[in-house]
Amino acid sequence: MAQKNLIIGGFTNYGINQLKPWVLSAKAVAGKNDVVLVVGNASADTYAWLAQQGIIVVPMINVPNIPIHVLRFLSIYEYLKDNWATYKYVVTTDVKDV
């Protein structure tokens, strides 16, 4: 079975306009590979737009008093722990800075 590659990032409290550069860029380079976003908090409109874009959305782990920049990596780790055999290569990026 051929493995796919993965582009993954995480965010909370971003809207469509903030996510659009990352999503469109990730989709452009991903081809038939997976694009996943770990989401802490987002509006229903944002969730709907991500679904329309074909983005796999995964809930962010919620641990009190842990900063978002730590939670996103913990959440990415948890996703990969459960799905590692699916992917050959994984690229993670900061969603805001792309």
N, C-alpha and C. Protein backbone atom coordinates (compact mmCIF):
# COMPACT_ATOMS: atom_id res chain seq x y z
N MET A 1 0.84 -1.18 0.00
CA MET A 1 0.00 0.00 0.00
C MET A 1 0.89 1.25 0.00
N ALA A 2 0.62 2.13 -0.94
CA ALA A 2 1.39 3.37 -1.00
C ALA A 2 0.96 4.31 0.11
N GLN A 3 1.93 4.86 0.79
CA GLN A 3 1.63 5.81 1.86
C GLN A 3 1.48 7.21 1.29
N LYS A 4 0.65 7.99 1.97
CA LYS A 4 0.48 9.40 1.62
C LYS A 4 1.47 10.23 2.43
N ASN A 5 1.55 11.49 2.06
CA ASN A 5 2.29 12.46 2.85
C ASN A 5 1.28 13.35 3.56
N LEU A 6 1.76 14.16 4.49
CA LEU A 6 0.87 14.98 5.31
C LEU A 6 1.45 16.37 5.51
N ILE A 7 0.58 17.37 5.39
CA ILE A 7 0.88 18.73 5.83
C ILE A 7 -0.08 19.00 6.97
N ILE A 8 0.45 19.42 8.13
CA ILE A 8 -0.38 19.59 9.32
C ILE A 8 0.01 20.87 10.05
N GLY A 9 -0.99 21.52 10.60
CA GLY A 9 -0.78 22.72 11.41
C GLY A 9 -1.86 22.79 12.47
N GLY A 10 -1.77 23.80 13.32
CA GLY A 10 -2.76 23.95 14.37
C GLY A 10 -3.04 25.42 14.64
N PHE A 11 -4.26 25.70 15.07
CA PHE A 11 -4.63 27.08 15.38
C PHE A 11 -5.80 27.11 16.35
N THR A 12 -6.01 28.28 16.90
CA THR A 12 -7.23 28.56 17.65
C THR A 12 -7.58 30.03 17.45
N ASN A 13 -8.86 30.30 17.41
CA ASN A 13 -9.39 31.67 17.29
C ASN A 13 -8.98 32.38 16.00
N TYR A 14 -8.81 31.65 14.91
CA TYR A 14 -8.56 32.26 13.60
C TYR A 14 -9.83 32.14 12.77
N GLY A 15 -10.00 33.11 11.88
CA GLY A 15 -11.12 33.07 10.95
C GLY A 15 -10.64 32.69 9.57
N ILE A 16 -11.57 32.68 8.64
CA ILE A 16 -11.28 32.27 7.27
C ILE A 16 -10.19 33.12 6.66
N ASN A 17 -10.26 34.44 6.82
CA ASN A 17 -9.25 35.31 6.21
C ASN A 17 -7.85 35.04 6.74
N GLN A 18 -7.73 34.71 8.00
CA GLN A 18 -6.42 34.39 8.57
C GLN A 18 -5.92 33.02 8.11
N LEU A 19 -6.84 32.09 7.86
CA LEU A 19 -6.46 30.73 7.47
C LEU A 19 -6.24 30.57 5.98
N LYS A 20 -6.87 31.43 5.19
CA LYS A 20 -6.86 31.26 3.74
C LYS A 20 -5.46 31.12 3.14
N PRO A 21 -4.47 31.95 3.49
CA PRO A 21 -3.14 31.77 2.88
C PRO A 21 -2.55 30.38 3.17
N TRP A 22 -2.67 29.91 4.40
CA TRP A 22 -2.12 28.60 4.74
C TRP A 22 -2.87 27.49 4.02
N VAL A 23 -4.19 27.54 4.08
CA VAL A 23 -5.00 26.47 3.47
C VAL A 23 -4.75 26.38 1.97
N LEU A 24 -4.80 27.51 1.28
CA LEU A 24 -4.62 27.49 -0.18
C LEU A 24 -3.21 27.05 -0.56
N SER A 25 -2.22 27.48 0.20
CA SER A 25 -0.85 27.08 -0.05
C SER A 25 -0.66 25.58 0.20
N ALA A 26 -1.17 25.10 1.31
CA ALA A 26 -1.05 23.68 1.65
C ALA A 26 -1.73 22.81 0.59
N LYS A 27 -2.92 23.22 0.18
CA LYS A 27 -3.63 22.45 -0.84
C LYS A 27 -2.88 22.45 -2.16
N ALA A 28 -2.26 23.57 -2.50
CA ALA A 28 -1.53 23.68 -3.77
C ALA A 28 -0.36 22.72 -3.85
N VAL A 29 0.31 22.50 -2.74
CA VAL A 29 1.48 21.61 -2.75
C VAL A 29 1.15 20.18 -2.33
N ALA A 30 0.01 19.97 -1.71
CA ALA A 30 -0.32 18.64 -1.18
C ALA A 30 -0.77 17.67 -2.26
N GLY A 31 -1.40 18.17 -3.30
CA GLY A 31 -1.92 17.26 -4.31
C GLY A 31 -2.93 16.30 -3.70
N LYS A 32 -2.70 15.00 -3.85
CA LYS A 32 -3.61 13.98 -3.32
C LYS A 32 -3.27 13.57 -1.89
N ASN A 33 -2.31 14.25 -1.29
CA ASN A 33 -1.92 13.97 0.08
C ASN A 33 -2.86 14.67 1.05
N ASP A 34 -2.71 14.39 2.33
CA ASP A 34 -3.61 14.94 3.34
C ASP A 34 -3.15 16.29 3.86
N VAL A 35 -4.14 17.14 4.13
CA VAL A 35 -3.92 18.41 4.82
C VAL A 35 -4.80 18.38 6.06
N VAL A 36 -4.17 18.53 7.22
CA VAL A 36 -4.87 18.43 8.50
C VAL A 36 -4.65 19.71 9.29
N LEU A 37 -5.72 20.18 9.92
CA LEU A 37 -5.60 21.29 10.87
C LEU A 37 -6.14 20.84 12.22
N VAL A 38 -5.32 21.04 13.23
CA VAL A 38 -5.73 20.82 14.61
C VAL A 38 -6.36 22.13 15.07
N VAL A 39 -7.62 22.06 15.52
CA VAL A 39 -8.39 23.27 15.80
C VAL A 39 -8.76 23.36 17.27
N GLY A 40 -8.39 24.49 17.88
CA GLY A 40 -8.78 24.75 19.26
C GLY A 40 -10.14 25.39 19.35
N ASN A 41 -10.33 26.50 18.66
CA ASN A 41 -11.60 27.22 18.69
C ASN A 41 -11.78 27.89 17.33
N ALA A 42 -12.96 27.71 16.76
CA ALA A 42 -13.27 28.34 15.48
C ALA A 42 -14.78 28.46 15.34
N SER A 43 -15.20 29.39 14.51
CA SER A 43 -16.63 29.59 14.27
C SER A 43 -17.19 28.48 13.38
N ALA A 44 -18.49 28.36 13.39
CA ALA A 44 -19.16 27.39 12.52
C ALA A 44 -18.86 27.68 11.05
N ASP A 45 -18.79 28.96 10.69
CA ASP A 45 -18.45 29.33 9.30
C ASP A 45 -17.05 28.85 8.94
N THR A 46 -16.12 28.98 9.86
CA THR A 46 -14.75 28.53 9.60
C THR A 46 -14.69 27.03 9.43
N TYR A 47 -15.39 26.29 10.30
CA TYR A 47 -15.44 24.83 10.15
C TYR A 47 -16.03 24.44 8.80
N ALA A 48 -17.11 25.11 8.41
CA ALA A 48 -17.76 24.81 7.13
C ALA A 48 -16.82 25.10 5.96
N TRP A 49 -16.11 26.22 6.02
CA TRP A 49 -15.17 26.57 4.94
C TRP A 49 -14.04 25.55 4.85
N LEU A 50 -13.50 25.15 6.00
CA LEU A 50 -12.44 24.14 5.99
C LEU A 50 -12.93 22.83 5.38
N ALA A 51 -14.14 22.44 5.70
CA ALA A 51 -14.72 21.22 5.11
C ALA A 51 -14.85 21.37 3.60
N GLN A 52 -15.30 22.52 3.14
CA GLN A 52 -15.42 22.78 1.69
C GLN A 52 -14.07 22.69 1.00
N GLN A 53 -13.03 23.05 1.70
CA GLN A 53 -11.67 23.02 1.15
C GLN A 53 -11.05 21.63 1.19
N GLY A 54 -11.74 20.68 1.82
CA GLY A 54 -11.22 19.32 1.92
C GLY A 54 -10.18 19.13 3.01
N ILE A 55 -10.16 20.04 3.97
CA ILE A 55 -9.20 19.96 5.07
C ILE A 55 -9.74 19.00 6.13
N ILE A 56 -8.88 18.13 6.62
CA ILE A 56 -9.24 17.25 7.73
C ILE A 56 -9.07 18.05 9.01
N VAL A 57 -10.14 18.15 9.78
CA VAL A 57 -10.12 18.93 11.02
C VAL A 57 -10.10 17.98 12.21
N VAL A 58 -9.17 18.24 13.12
CA VAL A 58 -8.99 17.42 14.32
C VAL A 58 -9.10 18.35 15.53
N PRO A 59 -9.88 17.98 16.54
CA PRO A 59 -9.97 18.83 17.73
C PRO A 59 -8.65 18.90 18.48
N MET A 60 -8.33 20.10 18.94
CA MET A 60 -7.13 20.29 19.73
C MET A 60 -7.36 19.77 21.15
N ILE A 61 -6.34 19.15 21.69
CA ILE A 61 -6.40 18.69 23.07
C ILE A 61 -6.52 19.92 23.97
N ASN A 62 -7.32 19.80 25.01
CA ASN A 62 -7.51 20.92 25.94
C ASN A 62 -6.93 20.52 27.30
N VAL A 63 -5.82 21.17 27.66
CA VAL A 63 -5.20 20.96 28.96
C VAL A 63 -5.11 22.33 29.63
N PRO A 64 -5.78 22.50 30.77
CA PRO A 64 -5.76 23.81 31.43
C PRO A 64 -4.33 24.30 31.72
N ASN A 65 -4.15 25.60 31.55
CA ASN A 65 -2.89 26.29 31.86
C ASN A 65 -1.71 25.91 30.97
N ILE A 66 -1.99 25.29 29.82
CA ILE A 66 -0.94 24.97 28.86
C ILE A 66 -1.13 25.91 27.67
N PRO A 67 -0.10 26.65 27.28
CA PRO A 67 -0.23 27.61 26.19
C PRO A 67 -0.53 26.93 24.85
N ILE A 68 -1.20 27.68 23.97
CA ILE A 68 -1.61 27.16 22.66
C ILE A 68 -0.42 26.65 21.86
N HIS A 69 0.71 27.32 21.93
CA HIS A 69 1.85 26.88 21.12
C HIS A 69 2.39 25.53 21.59
N VAL A 70 2.09 25.14 22.81
CA VAL A 70 2.45 23.81 23.30
C VAL A 70 1.33 22.81 22.96
N LEU A 71 0.09 23.23 23.16
CA LEU A 71 -1.04 22.34 22.88
C LEU A 71 -1.11 21.90 21.43
N ARG A 72 -0.75 22.80 20.51
CA ARG A 72 -0.82 22.40 19.10
C ARG A 72 0.16 21.27 18.82
N PHE A 73 1.36 21.33 19.39
CA PHE A 73 2.32 20.25 19.16
C PHE A 73 1.91 18.96 19.85
N LEU A 74 1.34 19.07 21.03
CA LEU A 74 0.82 17.89 21.72
C LEU A 74 -0.31 17.26 20.90
N SER A 75 -1.17 18.09 20.34
CA SER A 75 -2.28 17.61 19.52
C SER A 75 -1.79 16.97 18.22
N ILE A 76 -0.79 17.58 17.61
CA ILE A 76 -0.20 17.00 16.40
C ILE A 76 0.42 15.65 16.73
N TYR A 77 1.13 15.58 17.84
CA TYR A 77 1.71 14.31 18.29
C TYR A 77 0.62 13.24 18.45
N GLU A 78 -0.48 13.61 19.10
CA GLU A 78 -1.56 12.65 19.32
C GLU A 78 -2.15 12.17 17.99
N TYR A 79 -2.32 13.08 17.04
CA TYR A 79 -2.83 12.69 15.72
C TYR A 79 -1.86 11.71 15.05
N LEU A 80 -0.59 12.03 15.09
CA LEU A 80 0.40 11.17 14.44
C LEU A 80 0.54 9.83 15.16
N LYS A 81 0.40 9.84 16.46
CA LYS A 81 0.48 8.59 17.22
C LYS A 81 -0.60 7.62 16.75
N ASP A 82 -1.77 8.15 16.43
CA ASP A 82 -2.88 7.31 16.00
C ASP A 82 -2.86 7.01 14.50
N ASN A 83 -2.12 7.80 13.71
CA ASN A 83 -2.18 7.69 12.25
C ASN A 83 -0.82 7.55 11.60
N TRP A 84 0.21 7.23 12.34
CA TRP A 84 1.58 7.25 11.82
C TRP A 84 1.76 6.34 10.61
N ALA A 85 1.10 5.21 10.58
CA ALA A 85 1.32 4.25 9.50
C ALA A 85 0.74 4.73 8.16
N THR A 86 -0.10 5.75 8.20
CA THR A 86 -0.72 6.28 6.99
C THR A 86 0.25 7.12 6.17
N TYR A 87 1.26 7.69 6.83
CA TYR A 87 2.08 8.71 6.19
C TYR A 87 3.54 8.30 6.04
N LYS A 88 4.09 8.68 4.89
CA LYS A 88 5.52 8.48 4.65
C LYS A 88 6.30 9.69 5.16
N TYR A 89 5.87 10.89 4.77
CA TYR A 89 6.52 12.13 5.20
C TYR A 89 5.48 13.06 5.82
N VAL A 90 5.91 13.80 6.85
CA VAL A 90 5.05 14.75 7.54
C VAL A 90 5.76 16.10 7.58
N VAL A 91 5.00 17.14 7.21
CA VAL A 91 5.50 18.51 7.31
C VAL A 91 4.53 19.26 8.20
N THR A 92 5.05 19.90 9.22
CA THR A 92 4.21 20.75 10.05
C THR A 92 4.72 22.17 9.95
N THR A 93 3.78 23.09 9.87
CA THR A 93 4.14 24.50 9.74
C THR A 93 3.29 25.32 10.69
N ASP A 94 3.77 26.51 10.94
CA ASP A 94 2.99 27.49 11.68
C ASP A 94 1.93 28.03 10.73
N VAL A 95 0.69 28.03 11.13
CA VAL A 95 -0.41 28.45 10.26
C VAL A 95 -0.39 29.95 10.00
N LYS A 96 -0.06 30.72 11.00
CA LYS A 96 -0.13 32.17 10.88
C LYS A 96 1.00 32.75 10.02
N ASP A 97 2.17 32.18 10.06
CA ASP A 97 3.33 32.77 9.41
C ASP A 97 3.53 32.36 7.96
N VAL A 98 2.67 31.50 7.43
CA VAL A 98 2.84 31.07 6.03
C VAL A 98 2.29 32.15 5.11
